[in-house]
Protein backbone atom coordinates (compact mmCIF):
# COMPACT_ATOMS: atom_id res chain seq x y z
CA MET A 1 -11.49 17.89 -1.80
CA ALA A 2 -11.20 17.96 -5.61
CA GLU A 3 -8.05 20.08 -5.39
CA GLU A 4 -4.82 18.31 -6.12
CA ASN A 5 -2.34 18.34 -3.27
CA PRO A 6 0.91 19.97 -4.44
CA ARG A 7 2.73 17.90 -1.82
CA CYS A 8 1.85 14.67 -3.65
CA GLU A 9 2.91 13.05 -6.89
CA PHE A 10 1.77 10.08 -8.91
CA VAL A 11 3.63 6.79 -9.19
CA LYS A 12 2.74 3.71 -11.22
CA TYR A 13 1.41 0.78 -9.19
CA LYS A 14 1.24 -2.66 -10.79
CA LEU A 15 -1.87 -4.66 -9.89
CA ALA A 16 -2.00 -8.43 -9.51
CA ASP A 17 -3.61 -8.77 -12.95
CA GLY A 18 -0.65 -6.93 -14.54
CA LYS A 19 -2.43 -3.63 -15.12
CA THR A 20 -0.69 -0.45 -14.01
CA VAL A 21 -2.60 2.35 -12.27
CA PRO A 22 -1.43 5.77 -11.07
CA VAL A 23 -1.36 6.17 -7.27
CA GLU A 24 -0.92 9.51 -5.53
CA VAL A 25 1.76 9.49 -2.80
CA SER A 26 3.93 11.99 -0.97
CA PRO A 27 7.29 12.88 -2.55
CA ALA A 28 9.11 11.03 0.25
CA VAL A 29 7.17 7.84 -0.45
CA ALA A 30 7.80 8.24 -4.21
CA ARG A 31 11.57 8.54 -3.61
CA PHE A 32 11.49 5.54 -1.26
CA LEU A 33 9.67 3.41 -3.85
CA GLU A 34 12.10 4.45 -6.60
CA ASN A 35 15.08 3.59 -4.40
CA GLU A 36 13.58 0.23 -3.42
CA GLU A 37 12.93 -0.64 -7.05
CA ARG A 38 16.52 0.33 -7.93
CA ARG A 39 17.88 -1.79 -5.05
CA GLU A 40 15.76 -4.76 -6.13
CA ARG A 41 17.06 -4.55 -9.73
CA THR A 42 20.65 -4.29 -8.43
CA ARG A 43 20.13 -7.26 -6.11
CA ARG A 44 18.77 -9.37 -8.98
CA ARG A 45 21.82 -8.50 -11.09
CA GLU A 46 24.16 -9.40 -8.21
CA ASP A 47 22.34 -12.69 -7.63
CA ARG A 48 22.93 -13.71 -11.25
CA ARG A 49 26.62 -12.79 -11.00
CA PHE A 50 27.25 -15.32 -8.22
CA LEU A 51 26.12 -18.33 -10.22
CA ASP A 52 28.85 -20.43 -11.83
CA LYS A 53 28.87 -21.25 -15.54
CA ASP A 54 26.53 -24.19 -14.98
CA GLY A 55 24.11 -22.04 -13.01
CA TYR A 56 24.52 -24.01 -9.80
CA VAL A 57 26.67 -23.49 -6.72
CA GLU A 58 26.11 -26.20 -4.13
CA GLY A 59 24.48 -24.84 -1.00
CA GLU A 60 24.22 -21.30 -2.35
CA THR A 61 21.80 -21.66 -5.25
CA GLU A 62 19.19 -23.18 -2.96
CA LEU A 63 19.47 -20.20 -0.61
CA LEU A 64 19.28 -17.80 -3.52
CA VAL A 65 16.08 -19.37 -4.78
CA TYR A 66 14.65 -19.35 -1.26
CA ASP A 67 15.51 -15.65 -0.81
CA LEU A 68 14.03 -14.69 -4.16
CA GLY A 69 10.91 -16.71 -3.42
CA GLN A 70 10.59 -15.14 0.00
CA GLY A 71 10.82 -11.65 -1.54
CA VAL A 72 8.08 -12.50 -4.02
CA LEU A 73 5.97 -14.00 -1.24
CA ASP A 74 6.40 -10.85 0.85
CA LYS A 75 5.34 -8.71 -2.10
CA VAL A 76 2.30 -10.88 -2.78
CA GLU A 77 1.28 -10.77 0.88
CA LYS A 78 1.76 -7.00 0.98
CA ARG A 79 -0.28 -6.57 -2.20
CA GLU A 80 -3.04 -8.77 -0.75
CA ARG A 81 -3.07 -6.72 2.48
CA ASN A 82 -3.30 -3.53 0.41
CA ASN A 83 -6.19 -4.99 -1.58
CA ILE A 84 -8.00 -5.92 1.62
CA VAL A 85 -7.51 -2.43 3.08
CA ASN A 86 -8.68 -0.82 -0.18
CA ASP A 87 -11.72 -3.08 -0.15
CA ALA A 88 -12.45 -2.02 3.43
CA ILE A 89 -12.09 1.67 2.52
CA ASN A 90 -14.48 1.19 -0.40
CA HIS A 91 -17.16 0.03 2.08
CA LEU A 92 -17.11 3.41 3.85
CA PHE A 93 -19.56 6.23 3.23
CA PRO A 94 -18.30 8.75 0.64
CA ARG A 95 -17.49 11.42 3.24
CA GLN A 96 -15.60 8.93 5.42
CA LYS A 97 -13.71 7.66 2.38
CA SER A 98 -12.85 11.21 1.33
CA TYR A 99 -11.54 12.17 4.78
CA ILE A 100 -9.55 8.93 5.16
CA HIS A 101 -7.98 9.52 1.74
CA ALA A 102 -7.15 13.16 2.53
CA TYR A 103 -5.74 12.40 5.99
CA TYR A 104 -3.83 9.16 5.42
CA PHE A 105 -2.95 9.23 1.73
CA LYS A 106 -2.60 12.92 0.90
CA GLY A 107 -1.19 13.96 4.27
CA TYR A 108 -3.70 16.69 5.16
CA THR A 109 -4.19 17.55 8.82
CA VAL A 110 -7.61 17.42 10.48
CA GLN A 111 -7.61 21.24 10.54
CA GLU A 112 -6.80 21.44 6.81
CA ILE A 113 -9.64 19.06 5.98
CA ALA A 114 -11.99 21.08 8.18
CA ASP A 115 -10.94 24.30 6.43
CA MET A 116 -11.44 22.77 2.95
CA GLU A 117 -14.88 21.46 3.92
CA SER A 118 -15.81 24.64 5.83
CA ILE A 119 -16.78 22.65 8.90
CA ASP A 120 -15.62 22.37 12.49
CA LYS A 121 -12.41 20.46 13.23
CA ALA A 122 -14.31 18.32 15.77
CA ALA A 123 -16.73 17.20 13.05
CA VAL A 124 -13.83 15.98 10.90
CA SER A 125 -12.36 14.18 13.91
CA ARG A 126 -15.69 12.43 14.56
CA VAL A 127 -16.00 11.31 10.93
CA LEU A 128 -12.40 10.01 10.93
CA SER A 129 -12.92 8.24 14.25
CA LYS A 130 -16.12 6.56 13.05
CA ALA A 131 -14.39 5.60 9.77
CA ARG A 132 -11.48 4.03 11.68
CA ASP A 133 -13.93 2.08 13.85
CA GLU A 134 -15.73 0.79 10.75
CA LEU A 135 -12.44 -0.11 9.05
CA LYS A 136 -11.33 -1.99 12.16
CA PHE A 137 -14.63 -3.88 12.31
CA TYR A 138 -14.50 -4.72 8.60
CA LEU A 139 -10.90 -5.91 8.78
CA GLU A 140 -11.57 -8.01 11.89
CA HIS A 141 -14.54 -9.66 10.14
CA TYR A 142 -13.14 -9.72 6.60
CA GLN A 143 -13.90 -13.41 6.06
CA GLN A 144 -17.60 -12.80 6.71
CA PHE A 145 -17.62 -10.09 4.03
CA GLY A 146 -16.35 -12.41 1.31
CA GLY A 147 -12.63 -12.37 2.04
CA TYR A 148 -10.48 -14.86 3.83
CA GLN A 149 -8.38 -15.03 6.96
CA GLN A 150 -5.22 -17.05 7.30
CA ASN A 151 -5.08 -19.69 10.01
CA GLY A 152 -2.29 -19.33 12.53
């Protein structure tokens, strides 16, 4: 499992506290993230272009602020969900965590993981299944483990 997957590359991920950490993702995900970041920068430039010299266009500026706020809110919620999932993964046993990481984040198949670990494919499937059950339980009971759940 210590081998680096040639099908993955590292991208910079900005944490809530402002620190940047490298995250390994597939090339397709890396391209998607780059394109999304480019689109977001373009959208911000376009949003500034539509303001008049006083910075206010009746009826439009309010919508612009709402849209920008909604985008930030979506990003914050997504980041929080990612933090919760990462927290759940960190509660798994090392082998479960390793297999989840290889299968879901690095894109290895169950057979490839079994070959790397020199074990039966069914054993990998059982570990992944048990890990998914534990993740589901943890996420369903997150509040009891020190997190929070939104009402509604």
